[in-house]
Amino acid sequence: MTDDSASASEPIPGEAIVTEEKEDSGPDVRGTSKDPRALDHEQWIVNVEMVWDRRRIEVRVEEPRWNALQIGDRVKVTYKVGKYTGTVWESRIE
């Protein structure tokens, strides 16, 4: 029997390709300012596809990085995967 708890919390590094860039302007995007999921500040989101397993991940980045990236760019991404559901947590571009 193996202990998967250590592997679930370790970051997974890999190479990814930028597939899309999105800007979320805050509460108005979802249609109502009363939406509890809406943030009160802008977010810059980059969708990437991992090269080795084709997993698609949304990565939140700072505006200067978002402006510098282009669709098709290769980037190094680190992320963590949830133990039970496989949900991606703490993704970032290095």
Protein backbone atom coordinates (compact mmCIF):
# COMPACT_ATOMS: atom_id res chain seq x y z
CA MET A 1 0.00 0.00 0.00
CA THR A 2 1.40 3.40 -0.97
CA ASP A 3 0.92 6.76 0.68
CA ASP A 4 -0.52 9.19 -1.91
CA SER A 5 -0.84 12.13 0.50
CA ALA A 6 2.70 13.33 -0.20
CA SER A 7 2.33 13.10 -3.97
CA ALA A 8 -1.00 14.97 -3.93
CA SER A 9 0.54 18.04 -2.31
CA GLU A 10 3.74 18.17 -4.36
CA PRO A 11 3.82 20.59 -7.30
CA ILE A 12 3.84 19.03 -10.76
CA PRO A 13 6.14 20.85 -13.21
CA GLY A 14 5.74 20.66 -16.96
CA GLU A 15 5.78 22.46 -20.27
CA ALA A 16 2.56 23.91 -21.68
CA ILE A 17 1.33 25.81 -24.72
CA VAL A 18 -0.79 28.97 -24.37
CA THR A 19 -4.19 28.32 -26.01
CA GLU A 20 -6.25 31.37 -24.96
CA GLU A 21 -6.03 34.64 -23.02
CA LYS A 22 -8.98 36.13 -21.13
CA GLU A 23 -9.53 39.25 -19.08
CA ASP A 24 -12.15 39.15 -16.34
CA SER A 25 -13.19 42.70 -15.48
CA GLY A 26 -14.87 41.84 -12.20
CA PRO A 27 -18.49 41.78 -11.07
CA ASP A 28 -20.06 43.11 -14.27
CA VAL A 29 -18.88 40.17 -16.37
CA ARG A 30 -21.38 37.73 -14.87
CA GLY A 31 -24.26 40.18 -15.24
CA THR A 32 -24.86 41.23 -11.65
CA SER A 33 -22.76 42.88 -8.99
CA LYS A 34 -24.49 40.75 -6.35
CA ASP A 35 -22.97 37.50 -7.64
CA PRO A 36 -20.96 36.14 -4.67
CA ARG A 37 -18.41 34.51 -6.99
CA ALA A 38 -17.49 37.80 -8.68
CA LEU A 39 -14.29 39.50 -7.58
CA ASP A 40 -13.96 43.25 -7.19
CA HIS A 41 -10.75 43.48 -9.26
CA GLU A 42 -9.58 42.50 -12.72
CA GLN A 43 -8.00 39.12 -13.37
CA TRP A 44 -5.79 38.08 -16.25
CA ILE A 45 -6.32 34.44 -17.13
CA VAL A 46 -4.22 32.32 -19.47
CA ASN A 47 -5.49 28.94 -20.63
CA VAL A 48 -2.67 26.47 -21.28
CA GLU A 49 -2.51 22.89 -22.49
CA MET A 50 0.13 20.68 -20.93
CA VAL A 51 2.39 19.11 -23.57
CA TRP A 52 2.80 15.65 -22.06
CA ASP A 53 -0.81 14.83 -21.04
CA ARG A 54 -2.89 17.50 -22.89
CA ARG A 55 -4.50 18.61 -19.59
CA ARG A 56 -6.02 22.09 -19.91
CA ILE A 57 -5.37 24.49 -17.04
CA GLU A 58 -6.44 28.07 -16.29
CA VAL A 59 -3.58 30.10 -14.84
CA ARG A 60 -4.08 33.53 -13.27
CA VAL A 61 -1.18 35.89 -14.03
CA GLU A 62 -0.24 39.51 -13.49
CA GLU A 63 -1.07 42.03 -16.23
CA PRO A 64 2.52 42.48 -17.54
CA ARG A 65 2.89 38.71 -18.00
CA TRP A 66 -0.55 38.51 -19.65
CA ASN A 67 0.42 41.26 -22.10
CA ALA A 68 3.72 39.52 -22.94
CA LEU A 69 2.23 36.09 -23.69
CA GLN A 70 0.89 35.15 -27.10
CA ILE A 71 -1.24 32.18 -28.18
CA GLY A 72 1.13 29.37 -29.14
CA ASP A 73 3.90 30.38 -26.70
CA ARG A 74 5.53 27.55 -24.75
CA VAL A 75 5.73 28.18 -21.00
CA LYS A 76 6.76 26.24 -17.90
CA VAL A 77 3.79 25.63 -15.59
CA THR A 78 3.69 24.25 -12.05
CA TYR A 79 0.45 23.06 -10.47
CA LYS A 80 -0.94 20.81 -7.76
CA VAL A 81 -3.67 18.18 -8.21
CA GLY A 82 -6.29 17.34 -5.59
CA LYS A 83 -6.02 13.89 -4.07
CA TYR A 84 -9.58 12.67 -4.65
CA THR A 85 -11.08 14.71 -7.49
CA GLY A 86 -8.06 15.53 -9.62
CA THR A 87 -8.87 19.25 -9.41
CA VAL A 88 -5.97 21.55 -10.32
CA TRP A 89 -4.87 23.91 -7.52
CA GLU A 90 -2.22 26.61 -7.31
CA SER A 91 -1.27 26.75 -10.98
CA ARG A 92 1.38 29.27 -11.99
CA ILE A 93 3.63 30.10 -14.91
CA GLU A 94 7.31 30.22 -14.05
